[in-house]
Amino acid sequence: AKNTVYLQMNSLKPEDTAVYYCNAPRGC
């Protein structure tokens, strides 16, 4: 309904440090 995807991240670790990207494949 909101056209939104979420990522809840718990118990985070230093190795989770990164740039996080959303991706939507569509056809080609």
mmCIF file of all heavy atoms, coordinates in Angstrom:
data_MODEL
# 
_entry.id   MODEL 
# 
loop_
_atom_site.group_PDB 
_atom_site.id 
_atom_site.type_symbol 
_atom_site.label_atom_id 
_atom_site.label_alt_id 
_atom_site.label_comp_id 
_atom_site.label_asym_id 
_atom_site.label_entity_id 
_atom_site.label_seq_id 
_atom_site.pdbx_PDB_ins_code 
_atom_site.Cartn_x 
_atom_site.Cartn_y 
_atom_site.Cartn_z 
_atom_site.occupancy 
_atom_site.B_iso_or_equiv 
_atom_site.pdbx_formal_charge 
_atom_site.auth_seq_id 
_atom_site.auth_comp_id 
_atom_site.auth_asym_id 
_atom_site.auth_atom_id 
_atom_site.pdbx_PDB_model_num 
ATOM 1   N N   . ALA A 1 1  ? 0.831  -1.212  0.000   1.00 0.00 ? 1  ALA A N   1 
ATOM 2   C CA  . ALA A 1 1  ? 0.000  0.000   0.000   1.00 0.00 ? 1  ALA A CA  1 
ATOM 3   C C   . ALA A 1 1  ? 0.866  1.262   0.000   1.00 0.00 ? 1  ALA A C   1 
ATOM 4   O O   . ALA A 1 1  ? 0.439  2.310   -0.483  1.00 0.00 ? 1  ALA A O   1 
ATOM 5   C CB  . ALA A 1 1  ? -0.930 0.003   1.205   1.00 0.00 ? 1  ALA A CB  1 
ATOM 6   N N   . LYS A 1 2  ? 2.080  1.147   0.546   1.00 0.00 ? 2  LYS A N   1 
ATOM 7   C CA  . LYS A 1 2  ? 2.986  2.293   0.623   1.00 0.00 ? 2  LYS A CA  1 
ATOM 8   C C   . LYS A 1 2  ? 4.119  2.206   -0.397  1.00 0.00 ? 2  LYS A C   1 
ATOM 9   O O   . LYS A 1 2  ? 5.013  3.050   -0.409  1.00 0.00 ? 2  LYS A O   1 
ATOM 10  C CB  . LYS A 1 2  ? 3.574  2.412   2.030   1.00 0.00 ? 2  LYS A CB  1 
ATOM 11  C CG  . LYS A 1 2  ? 2.548  2.719   3.101   1.00 0.00 ? 2  LYS A CG  1 
ATOM 12  C CD  . LYS A 1 2  ? 3.185  2.885   4.460   1.00 0.00 ? 2  LYS A CD  1 
ATOM 13  C CE  . LYS A 1 2  ? 2.146  3.233   5.509   1.00 0.00 ? 2  LYS A CE  1 
ATOM 14  N NZ  . LYS A 1 2  ? 2.750  3.377   6.857   1.00 0.00 ? 2  LYS A NZ  1 
ATOM 15  N N   . ASN A 1 3  ? 4.125  1.154   -1.221  1.00 0.00 ? 3  ASN A N   1 
ATOM 16  C CA  . ASN A 1 3  ? 5.204  0.960   -2.195  1.00 0.00 ? 3  ASN A CA  1 
ATOM 17  C C   . ASN A 1 3  ? 6.575  1.008   -1.527  1.00 0.00 ? 3  ASN A C   1 
ATOM 18  O O   . ASN A 1 3  ? 7.518  1.619   -2.047  1.00 0.00 ? 3  ASN A O   1 
ATOM 19  C CB  . ASN A 1 3  ? 5.138  2.008   -3.307  1.00 0.00 ? 3  ASN A CB  1 
ATOM 20  C CG  . ASN A 1 3  ? 4.014  1.757   -4.285  1.00 0.00 ? 3  ASN A CG  1 
ATOM 21  O OD1 . ASN A 1 3  ? 3.238  0.820   -4.134  1.00 0.00 ? 3  ASN A OD1 1 
ATOM 22  N ND2 . ASN A 1 3  ? 3.901  2.609   -5.287  1.00 0.00 ? 3  ASN A ND2 1 
ATOM 23  N N   . THR A 1 4  ? 6.669  0.360   -0.391  1.00 0.00 ? 4  THR A N   1 
ATOM 24  C CA  . THR A 1 4  ? 7.884  0.454   0.412   1.00 0.00 ? 4  THR A CA  1 
ATOM 25  C C   . THR A 1 4  ? 8.332  -0.930  0.886   1.00 0.00 ? 4  THR A C   1 
ATOM 26  O O   . THR A 1 4  ? 7.507  -1.757  1.275   1.00 0.00 ? 4  THR A O   1 
ATOM 27  C CB  . THR A 1 4  ? 7.668  1.374   1.628   1.00 0.00 ? 4  THR A CB  1 
ATOM 28  O OG1 . THR A 1 4  ? 7.313  2.681   1.163   1.00 0.00 ? 4  THR A OG1 1 
ATOM 29  C CG2 . THR A 1 4  ? 8.935  1.484   2.474   1.00 0.00 ? 4  THR A CG2 1 
ATOM 30  N N   . VAL A 1 5  ? 9.642  -1.143  0.837   1.00 0.00 ? 5  VAL A N   1 
ATOM 31  C CA  . VAL A 1 5  ? 10.239 -2.349  1.392   1.00 0.00 ? 5  VAL A CA  1 
ATOM 32  C C   . VAL A 1 5  ? 11.139 -1.929  2.552   1.00 0.00 ? 5  VAL A C   1 
ATOM 33  O O   . VAL A 1 5  ? 11.768 -0.863  2.504   1.00 0.00 ? 5  VAL A O   1 
ATOM 34  C CB  . VAL A 1 5  ? 11.022 -3.142  0.320   1.00 0.00 ? 5  VAL A CB  1 
ATOM 35  C CG1 . VAL A 1 5  ? 12.160 -2.332  -0.281  1.00 0.00 ? 5  VAL A CG1 1 
ATOM 36  C CG2 . VAL A 1 5  ? 11.509 -4.464  0.863   1.00 0.00 ? 5  VAL A CG2 1 
ATOM 37  N N   . TYR A 1 6  ? 11.176 -2.752  3.572   1.00 0.00 ? 6  TYR A N   1 
ATOM 38  C CA  . TYR A 1 6  ? 11.910 -2.443  4.795   1.00 0.00 ? 6  TYR A CA  1 
ATOM 39  C C   . TYR A 1 6  ? 12.970 -3.510  5.071   1.00 0.00 ? 6  TYR A C   1 
ATOM 40  O O   . TYR A 1 6  ? 12.856 -4.657  4.640   1.00 0.00 ? 6  TYR A O   1 
ATOM 41  C CB  . TYR A 1 6  ? 10.962 -2.379  5.989   1.00 0.00 ? 6  TYR A CB  1 
ATOM 42  C CG  . TYR A 1 6  ? 9.826  -1.406  5.824   1.00 0.00 ? 6  TYR A CG  1 
ATOM 43  C CD1 . TYR A 1 6  ? 8.568  -1.845  5.409   1.00 0.00 ? 6  TYR A CD1 1 
ATOM 44  C CD2 . TYR A 1 6  ? 10.003 -0.049  6.093   1.00 0.00 ? 6  TYR A CD2 1 
ATOM 45  C CE1 . TYR A 1 6  ? 7.521  -0.953  5.252   1.00 0.00 ? 6  TYR A CE1 1 
ATOM 46  C CE2 . TYR A 1 6  ? 8.954  0.844   5.942   1.00 0.00 ? 6  TYR A CE2 1 
ATOM 47  C CZ  . TYR A 1 6  ? 7.719  0.387   5.524   1.00 0.00 ? 6  TYR A CZ  1 
ATOM 48  O OH  . TYR A 1 6  ? 6.683  1.278   5.374   1.00 0.00 ? 6  TYR A OH  1 
ATOM 49  N N   . LEU A 1 7  ? 13.972 -3.091  5.831   1.00 0.00 ? 7  LEU A N   1 
ATOM 50  C CA  . LEU A 1 7  ? 14.946 -4.039  6.346   1.00 0.00 ? 7  LEU A CA  1 
ATOM 51  C C   . LEU A 1 7  ? 15.189 -3.690  7.812   1.00 0.00 ? 7  LEU A C   1 
ATOM 52  O O   . LEU A 1 7  ? 15.815 -2.665  8.117   1.00 0.00 ? 7  LEU A O   1 
ATOM 53  C CB  . LEU A 1 7  ? 16.258 -3.989  5.568   1.00 0.00 ? 7  LEU A CB  1 
ATOM 54  C CG  . LEU A 1 7  ? 17.279 -5.070  5.947   1.00 0.00 ? 7  LEU A CG  1 
ATOM 55  C CD1 . LEU A 1 7  ? 16.760 -6.453  5.546   1.00 0.00 ? 7  LEU A CD1 1 
ATOM 56  C CD2 . LEU A 1 7  ? 18.638 -4.810  5.299   1.00 0.00 ? 7  LEU A CD2 1 
ATOM 57  N N   . GLN A 1 8  ? 14.633 -4.501  8.692   1.00 0.00 ? 8  GLN A N   1 
ATOM 58  C CA  . GLN A 1 8  ? 14.857 -4.337  10.126  1.00 0.00 ? 8  GLN A CA  1 
ATOM 59  C C   . GLN A 1 8  ? 16.135 -5.074  10.484  1.00 0.00 ? 8  GLN A C   1 
ATOM 60  O O   . GLN A 1 8  ? 16.246 -6.289  10.234  1.00 0.00 ? 8  GLN A O   1 
ATOM 61  C CB  . GLN A 1 8  ? 13.678 -4.896  10.923  1.00 0.00 ? 8  GLN A CB  1 
ATOM 62  C CG  . GLN A 1 8  ? 13.861 -4.828  12.425  1.00 0.00 ? 8  GLN A CG  1 
ATOM 63  C CD  . GLN A 1 8  ? 13.866 -3.412  12.951  1.00 0.00 ? 8  GLN A CD  1 
ATOM 64  O OE1 . GLN A 1 8  ? 13.063 -2.576  12.543  1.00 0.00 ? 8  GLN A OE1 1 
ATOM 65  N NE2 . GLN A 1 8  ? 14.783 -3.126  13.866  1.00 0.00 ? 8  GLN A NE2 1 
ATOM 66  N N   . MET A 1 9  ? 17.083 -4.352  11.048  1.00 0.00 ? 9  MET A N   1 
ATOM 67  C CA  . MET A 1 9  ? 18.391 -4.928  11.351  1.00 0.00 ? 9  MET A CA  1 
ATOM 68  C C   . MET A 1 9  ? 18.613 -4.862  12.857  1.00 0.00 ? 9  MET A C   1 
ATOM 69  O O   . MET A 1 9  ? 18.668 -3.763  13.436  1.00 0.00 ? 9  MET A O   1 
ATOM 70  C CB  . MET A 1 9  ? 19.491 -4.169  10.620  1.00 0.00 ? 9  MET A CB  1 
ATOM 71  C CG  . MET A 1 9  ? 19.283 -4.076  9.121   1.00 0.00 ? 9  MET A CG  1 
ATOM 72  S SD  . MET A 1 9  ? 20.650 -3.331  8.234   1.00 0.00 ? 9  MET A SD  1 
ATOM 73  C CE  . MET A 1 9  ? 20.599 -1.680  8.920   1.00 0.00 ? 9  MET A CE  1 
ATOM 74  N N   . ASN A 1 10 ? 18.681 -6.025  13.491  1.00 0.00 ? 10 ASN A N   1 
ATOM 75  C CA  . ASN A 1 10 ? 18.910 -6.127  14.924  1.00 0.00 ? 10 ASN A CA  1 
ATOM 76  C C   . ASN A 1 10 ? 20.260 -6.777  15.207  1.00 0.00 ? 10 ASN A C   1 
ATOM 77  O O   . ASN A 1 10 ? 20.856 -7.392  14.317  1.00 0.00 ? 10 ASN A O   1 
ATOM 78  C CB  . ASN A 1 10 ? 17.791 -6.947  15.570  1.00 0.00 ? 10 ASN A CB  1 
ATOM 79  C CG  . ASN A 1 10 ? 16.428 -6.328  15.405  1.00 0.00 ? 10 ASN A CG  1 
ATOM 80  O OD1 . ASN A 1 10 ? 16.282 -5.099  15.324  1.00 0.00 ? 10 ASN A OD1 1 
ATOM 81  N ND2 . ASN A 1 10 ? 15.410 -7.169  15.335  1.00 0.00 ? 10 ASN A ND2 1 
ATOM 82  N N   . SER A 1 11 ? 20.708 -6.647  16.432  1.00 0.00 ? 11 SER A N   1 
ATOM 83  C CA  . SER A 1 11 ? 21.978 -7.251  16.861  1.00 0.00 ? 11 SER A CA  1 
ATOM 84  C C   . SER A 1 11 ? 23.092 -6.938  15.861  1.00 0.00 ? 11 SER A C   1 
ATOM 85  O O   . SER A 1 11 ? 23.848 -7.828  15.433  1.00 0.00 ? 11 SER A O   1 
ATOM 86  C CB  . SER A 1 11 ? 21.811 -8.771  17.006  1.00 0.00 ? 11 SER A CB  1 
ATOM 87  O OG  . SER A 1 11 ? 20.793 -9.081  17.935  1.00 0.00 ? 11 SER A OG  1 
ATOM 88  N N   . LEU A 1 12 ? 23.194 -5.678  15.512  1.00 0.00 ? 12 LEU A N   1 
ATOM 89  C CA  . LEU A 1 12 ? 24.157 -5.283  14.496  1.00 0.00 ? 12 LEU A CA  1 
ATOM 90  C C   . LEU A 1 12 ? 25.594 -5.505  14.967  1.00 0.00 ? 12 LEU A C   1 
ATOM 91  O O   . LEU A 1 12 ? 25.914 -5.361  16.156  1.00 0.00 ? 12 LEU A O   1 
ATOM 92  C CB  . LEU A 1 12 ? 23.947 -3.819  14.116  1.00 0.00 ? 12 LEU A CB  1 
ATOM 93  C CG  . LEU A 1 12 ? 22.758 -3.594  13.168  1.00 0.00 ? 12 LEU A CG  1 
ATOM 94  C CD1 . LEU A 1 12 ? 22.300 -2.151  13.199  1.00 0.00 ? 12 LEU A CD1 1 
ATOM 95  C CD2 . LEU A 1 12 ? 23.117 -4.020  11.761  1.00 0.00 ? 12 LEU A CD2 1 
ATOM 96  N N   . LYS A 1 13 ? 26.432 -5.855  13.984  1.00 0.00 ? 13 LYS A N   1 
ATOM 97  C CA  . LYS A 1 13 ? 27.841 -6.137  14.237  1.00 0.00 ? 13 LYS A CA  1 
ATOM 98  C C   . LYS A 1 13 ? 28.701 -5.176  13.413  1.00 0.00 ? 13 LYS A C   1 
ATOM 99  O O   . LYS A 1 13 ? 28.242 -4.696  12.368  1.00 0.00 ? 13 LYS A O   1 
ATOM 100 C CB  . LYS A 1 13 ? 28.175 -7.573  13.833  1.00 0.00 ? 13 LYS A CB  1 
ATOM 101 C CG  . LYS A 1 13 ? 27.317 -8.634  14.493  1.00 0.00 ? 13 LYS A CG  1 
ATOM 102 C CD  . LYS A 1 13 ? 27.635 -10.015 13.927  1.00 0.00 ? 13 LYS A CD  1 
ATOM 103 C CE  . LYS A 1 13 ? 26.765 -11.080 14.550  1.00 0.00 ? 13 LYS A CE  1 
ATOM 104 N NZ  . LYS A 1 13 ? 27.082 -12.434 14.009  1.00 0.00 ? 13 LYS A NZ  1 
ATOM 105 N N   . PRO A 1 14 ? 29.931 -4.937  13.833  1.00 0.00 ? 14 PRO A N   1 
ATOM 106 C CA  . PRO A 1 14 ? 30.800 -4.062  13.025  1.00 0.00 ? 14 PRO A CA  1 
ATOM 107 C C   . PRO A 1 14 ? 30.930 -4.537  11.576  1.00 0.00 ? 14 PRO A C   1 
ATOM 108 O O   . PRO A 1 14 ? 31.047 -3.700  10.658  1.00 0.00 ? 14 PRO A O   1 
ATOM 109 C CB  . PRO A 1 14 ? 32.136 -4.138  13.758  1.00 0.00 ? 14 PRO A CB  1 
ATOM 110 C CG  . PRO A 1 14 ? 31.756 -4.378  15.185  1.00 0.00 ? 14 PRO A CG  1 
ATOM 111 C CD  . PRO A 1 14 ? 30.550 -5.291  15.103  1.00 0.00 ? 14 PRO A CD  1 
ATOM 112 N N   . GLU A 1 15 ? 30.874 -5.822  11.356  1.00 0.00 ? 15 GLU A N   1 
ATOM 113 C CA  . GLU A 1 15 ? 30.992 -6.354  9.992   1.00 0.00 ? 15 GLU A CA  1 
ATOM 114 C C   . GLU A 1 15 ? 29.752 -6.100  9.140   1.00 0.00 ? 15 GLU A C   1 
ATOM 115 O O   . GLU A 1 15 ? 29.755 -6.371  7.944   1.00 0.00 ? 15 GLU A O   1 
ATOM 116 C CB  . GLU A 1 15 ? 31.326 -7.850  9.995   1.00 0.00 ? 15 GLU A CB  1 
ATOM 117 C CG  . GLU A 1 15 ? 30.424 -8.695  10.855  1.00 0.00 ? 15 GLU A CG  1 
ATOM 118 C CD  . GLU A 1 15 ? 31.015 -8.965  12.229  1.00 0.00 ? 15 GLU A CD  1 
ATOM 119 O OE1 . GLU A 1 15 ? 31.557 -8.017  12.851  1.00 0.00 ? 15 GLU A OE1 1 
ATOM 120 O OE2 . GLU A 1 15 ? 30.901 -10.129 12.684  1.00 0.00 ? 15 GLU A OE2 1 
ATOM 121 N N   . ASP A 1 16 ? 28.700 -5.565  9.734   1.00 0.00 ? 16 ASP A N   1 
ATOM 122 C CA  . ASP A 1 16 ? 27.523 -5.147  8.967   1.00 0.00 ? 16 ASP A CA  1 
ATOM 123 C C   . ASP A 1 16 ? 27.715 -3.755  8.362   1.00 0.00 ? 16 ASP A C   1 
ATOM 124 O O   . ASP A 1 16 ? 26.872 -3.299  7.585   1.00 0.00 ? 16 ASP A O   1 
ATOM 125 C CB  . ASP A 1 16 ? 26.272 -5.142  9.849   1.00 0.00 ? 16 ASP A CB  1 
ATOM 126 C CG  . ASP A 1 16 ? 25.880 -6.530  10.322  1.00 0.00 ? 16 ASP A CG  1 
ATOM 127 O OD1 . ASP A 1 16 ? 25.942 -7.477  9.515   1.00 0.00 ? 16 ASP A OD1 1 
ATOM 128 O OD2 . ASP A 1 16 ? 25.500 -6.657  11.511  1.00 0.00 ? 16 ASP A OD2 1 
ATOM 129 N N   . THR A 1 17 ? 28.793 -3.091  8.716   1.00 0.00 ? 17 THR A N   1 
ATOM 130 C CA  . THR A 1 17 ? 29.069 -1.761  8.179   1.00 0.00 ? 17 THR A CA  1 
ATOM 131 C C   . THR A 1 17 ? 29.205 -1.816  6.658   1.00 0.00 ? 17 THR A C   1 
ATOM 132 O O   . THR A 1 17 ? 29.994 -2.596  6.117   1.00 0.00 ? 17 THR A O   1 
ATOM 133 C CB  . THR A 1 17 ? 30.360 -1.191  8.782   1.00 0.00 ? 17 THR A CB  1 
ATOM 134 O OG1 . THR A 1 17 ? 30.157 -0.981  10.187  1.00 0.00 ? 17 THR A OG1 1 
ATOM 135 C CG2 . THR A 1 17 ? 30.746 0.126   8.129   1.00 0.00 ? 17 THR A CG2 1 
ATOM 136 N N   . ALA A 1 18 ? 28.395 -1.010  5.969   1.00 0.00 ? 18 ALA A N   1 
ATOM 137 C CA  . ALA A 1 18 ? 28.368 -1.023  4.507   1.00 0.00 ? 18 ALA A CA  1 
ATOM 138 C C   . ALA A 1 18 ? 27.389 0.041   4.018   1.00 0.00 ? 18 ALA A C   1 
ATOM 139 O O   . ALA A 1 18 ? 26.633 0.603   4.819   1.00 0.00 ? 18 ALA A O   1 
ATOM 140 C CB  . ALA A 1 18 ? 27.926 -2.396  3.981   1.00 0.00 ? 18 ALA A CB  1 
ATOM 141 N N   . VAL A 1 19 ? 27.404 0.259   2.719   1.00 0.00 ? 19 VAL A N   1 
ATOM 142 C CA  . VAL A 1 19 ? 26.325 1.012   2.078   1.00 0.00 ? 19 VAL A CA  1 
ATOM 143 C C   . VAL A 1 19 ? 25.269 -0.008  1.662   1.00 0.00 ? 19 VAL A C   1 
ATOM 144 O O   . VAL A 1 19 ? 25.593 -1.007  1.007   1.00 0.00 ? 19 VAL A O   1 
ATOM 145 C CB  . VAL A 1 19 ? 26.826 1.807   0.868   1.00 0.00 ? 19 VAL A CB  1 
ATOM 146 C CG1 . VAL A 1 19 ? 25.669 2.556   0.214   1.00 0.00 ? 19 VAL A CG1 1 
ATOM 147 C CG2 . VAL A 1 19 ? 27.911 2.796   1.294   1.00 0.00 ? 19 VAL A CG2 1 
ATOM 148 N N   . TYR A 1 20 ? 24.050 0.241   2.061   1.00 0.00 ? 20 TYR A N   1 
ATOM 149 C CA  . TYR A 1 20 ? 22.945 -0.664  1.767   1.00 0.00 ? 20 TYR A CA  1 
ATOM 150 C C   . TYR A 1 20 ? 22.118 -0.095  0.613   1.00 0.00 ? 20 TYR A C   1 
ATOM 151 O O   . TYR A 1 20 ? 21.744 1.083   0.631   1.00 0.00 ? 20 TYR A O   1 
ATOM 152 C CB  . TYR A 1 20 ? 22.080 -0.855  3.012   1.00 0.00 ? 20 TYR A CB  1 
ATOM 153 C CG  . TYR A 1 20 ? 22.728 -1.770  4.020   1.00 0.00 ? 20 TYR A CG  1 
ATOM 154 C CD1 . TYR A 1 20 ? 23.833 -1.353  4.751   1.00 0.00 ? 20 TYR A CD1 1 
ATOM 155 C CD2 . TYR A 1 20 ? 22.257 -3.068  4.225   1.00 0.00 ? 20 TYR A CD2 1 
ATOM 156 C CE1 . TYR A 1 20 ? 24.451 -2.199  5.664   1.00 0.00 ? 20 TYR A CE1 1 
ATOM 157 C CE2 . TYR A 1 20 ? 22.863 -3.917  5.136   1.00 0.00 ? 20 TYR A CE2 1 
ATOM 158 C CZ  . TYR A 1 20 ? 23.964 -3.478  5.846   1.00 0.00 ? 20 TYR A CZ  1 
ATOM 159 O OH  . TYR A 1 20 ? 24.572 -4.321  6.747   1.00 0.00 ? 20 TYR A OH  1 
ATOM 160 N N   . TYR A 1 21 ? 21.838 -0.974  -0.349  1.00 0.00 ? 21 TYR A N   1 
ATOM 161 C CA  . TYR A 1 21 ? 21.128 -0.580  -1.560  1.00 0.00 ? 21 TYR A CA  1 
ATOM 162 C C   . TYR A 1 21 ? 19.843 -1.371  -1.717  1.00 0.00 ? 21 TYR A C   1 
ATOM 163 O O   . TYR A 1 21 ? 19.821 -2.598  -1.514  1.00 0.00 ? 21 TYR A O   1 
ATOM 164 C CB  . TYR A 1 21 ? 21.983 -0.836  -2.794  1.00 0.00 ? 21 TYR A CB  1 
ATOM 165 C CG  . TYR A 1 21 ? 23.254 -0.039  -2.865  1.00 0.00 ? 21 TYR A CG  1 
ATOM 166 C CD1 . TYR A 1 21 ? 24.438 -0.548  -2.348  1.00 0.00 ? 21 TYR A CD1 1 
ATOM 167 C CD2 . TYR A 1 21 ? 23.272 1.215   -3.469  1.00 0.00 ? 21 TYR A CD2 1 
ATOM 168 C CE1 . TYR A 1 21 ? 25.621 0.181   -2.432  1.00 0.00 ? 21 TYR A CE1 1 
ATOM 169 C CE2 . TYR A 1 21 ? 24.448 1.946   -3.546  1.00 0.00 ? 21 TYR A CE2 1 
ATOM 170 C CZ  . TYR A 1 21 ? 25.614 1.418   -3.021  1.00 0.00 ? 21 TYR A CZ  1 
ATOM 171 O OH  . TYR A 1 21 ? 26.780 2.147   -3.106  1.00 0.00 ? 21 TYR A OH  1 
ATOM 172 N N   . CYS A 1 22 ? 18.817 -0.690  -2.162  1.00 0.00 ? 22 CYS A N   1 
ATOM 173 C CA  . CYS A 1 22 ? 17.560 -1.309  -2.546  1.00 0.00 ? 22 CYS A CA  1 
ATOM 174 C C   . CYS A 1 22 ? 17.646 -1.640  -4.037  1.00 0.00 ? 22 CYS A C   1 
ATOM 175 O O   . CYS A 1 22 ? 18.203 -0.863  -4.821  1.00 0.00 ? 22 CYS A O   1 
ATOM 176 C CB  . CYS A 1 22 ? 16.430 -0.311  -2.270  1.00 0.00 ? 22 CYS A CB  1 
ATOM 177 S SG  . CYS A 1 22 ? 14.793 -0.859  -2.697  1.00 0.00 ? 22 CYS A SG  1 
ATOM 178 N N   . ASN A 1 23 ? 17.090 -2.780  -4.408  1.00 0.00 ? 23 ASN A N   1 
ATOM 179 C CA  . ASN A 1 23 ? 17.166 -3.234  -5.800  1.00 0.00 ? 23 ASN A CA  1 
ATOM 180 C C   . ASN A 1 23 ? 15.812 -3.755  -6.251  1.00 0.00 ? 23 ASN A C   1 
ATOM 181 O O   . ASN A 1 23 ? 15.144 -4.490  -5.515  1.00 0.00 ? 23 ASN A O   1 
ATOM 182 C CB  . ASN A 1 23 ? 18.212 -4.330  -5.925  1.00 0.00 ? 23 ASN A CB  1 
ATOM 183 C CG  . ASN A 1 23 ? 18.168 -5.041  -7.263  1.00 0.00 ? 23 ASN A CG  1 
ATOM 184 O OD1 . ASN A 1 23 ? 17.644 -6.147  -7.383  1.00 0.00 ? 23 ASN A OD1 1 
ATOM 185 N ND2 . ASN A 1 23 ? 18.721 -4.410  -8.277  1.00 0.00 ? 23 ASN A ND2 1 
ATOM 186 N N   . ALA A 1 24 ? 15.442 -3.382  -7.484  1.00 0.00 ? 24 ALA A N   1 
ATOM 187 C CA  . ALA A 1 24 ? 14.191 -3.845  -8.078  1.00 0.00 ? 24 ALA A CA  1 
ATOM 188 C C   . ALA A 1 24 ? 14.478 -4.299  -9.501  1.00 0.00 ? 24 ALA A C   1 
ATOM 189 O O   . ALA A 1 24 ? 14.628 -3.457  -10.405 1.00 0.00 ? 24 ALA A O   1 
ATOM 190 C CB  . ALA A 1 24 ? 13.156 -2.721  -8.073  1.00 0.00 ? 24 ALA A CB  1 
ATOM 191 N N   . PRO A 1 25 ? 14.555 -5.600  -9.713  1.00 0.00 ? 25 PRO A N   1 
ATOM 192 C CA  . PRO A 1 25 ? 14.706 -6.091  -11.080 1.00 0.00 ? 25 PRO A CA  1 
ATOM 193 C C   . PRO A 1 25 ? 13.364 -6.033  -11.801 1.00 0.00 ? 25 PRO A C   1 
ATOM 194 O O   . PRO A 1 25 ? 12.315 -6.296  -11.189 1.00 0.00 ? 25 PRO A O   1 
ATOM 195 C CB  . PRO A 1 25 ? 15.163 -7.537  -10.881 1.00 0.00 ? 25 PRO A CB  1 
ATOM 196 C CG  . PRO A 1 25 ? 14.626 -7.922  -9.547  1.00 0.00 ? 25 PRO A CG  1 
ATOM 197 C CD  . PRO A 1 25 ? 14.539 -6.680  -8.723  1.00 0.00 ? 25 PRO A CD  1 
ATOM 198 N N   . ARG A 1 26 ? 13.396 -5.663  -13.084 1.00 0.00 ? 26 ARG A N   1 
ATOM 199 C CA  . ARG A 1 26 ? 12.157 -5.623  -13.852 1.00 0.00 ? 26 ARG A CA  1 
ATOM 200 C C   . ARG A 1 26 ? 12.495 -5.984  -15.290 1.00 0.00 ? 26 ARG A C   1 
ATOM 201 O O   . ARG A 1 26 ? 13.091 -5.188  -16.001 1.00 0.00 ? 26 ARG A O   1 
ATOM 202 C CB  . ARG A 1 26 ? 11.497 -4.241  -13.777 1.00 0.00 ? 26 ARG A CB  1 
ATOM 203 C CG  . ARG A 1 26 ? 10.107 -4.205  -14.395 1.00 0.00 ? 26 ARG A CG  1 
ATOM 204 C CD  . ARG A 1 26 ? 9.486  -2.826  -14.338 1.00 0.00 ? 26 ARG A CD  1 
ATOM 205 N NE  . ARG A 1 26 ? 10.143 -1.888  -15.248 1.00 0.00 ? 26 ARG A NE  1 
ATOM 206 C CZ  . ARG A 1 26 ? 9.704  -0.666  -15.495 1.00 0.00 ? 26 ARG A CZ  1 
ATOM 207 N NH1 . ARG A 1 26 ? 8.614  -0.224  -14.896 1.00 0.00 ? 26 ARG A NH1 1 
ATOM 208 N NH2 . ARG A 1 26 ? 10.349 0.138   -16.324 1.00 0.00 ? 26 ARG A NH2 1 
ATOM 209 N N   . GLY A 1 27 ? 12.101 -7.163  -15.691 1.00 0.00 ? 27 GLY A N   1 
ATOM 210 C CA  . GLY A 1 27 ? 12.431 -7.605  -17.035 1.00 0.00 ? 27 GLY A CA  1 
ATOM 211 C C   . GLY A 1 27 ? 13.931 -7.632  -17.238 1.00 0.00 ? 27 GLY A C   1 
ATOM 212 O O   . GLY A 1 27 ? 14.658 -8.244  -16.460 1.00 0.00 ? 27 GLY A O   1 
ATOM 213 N N   . CYS A 1 28 ? 14.402 -6.937  -18.270 1.00 0.00 ? 28 CYS A N   1 
ATOM 214 C CA  . CYS A 1 28 ? 15.832 -6.870  -18.563 1.00 0.00 ? 28 CYS A CA  1 
ATOM 215 C C   . CYS A 1 28 ? 16.525 -5.748  -17.793 1.00 0.00 ? 28 CYS A C   1 
ATOM 216 O O   . CYS A 1 28 ? 17.744 -5.616  -17.870 1.00 0.00 ? 28 CYS A O   1 
ATOM 217 C CB  . CYS A 1 28 ? 16.059 -6.655  -20.056 1.00 0.00 ? 28 CYS A CB  1 
ATOM 218 S SG  . CYS A 1 28 ? 15.416 -7.990  -21.071 1.00 0.00 ? 28 CYS A SG  1 
# 
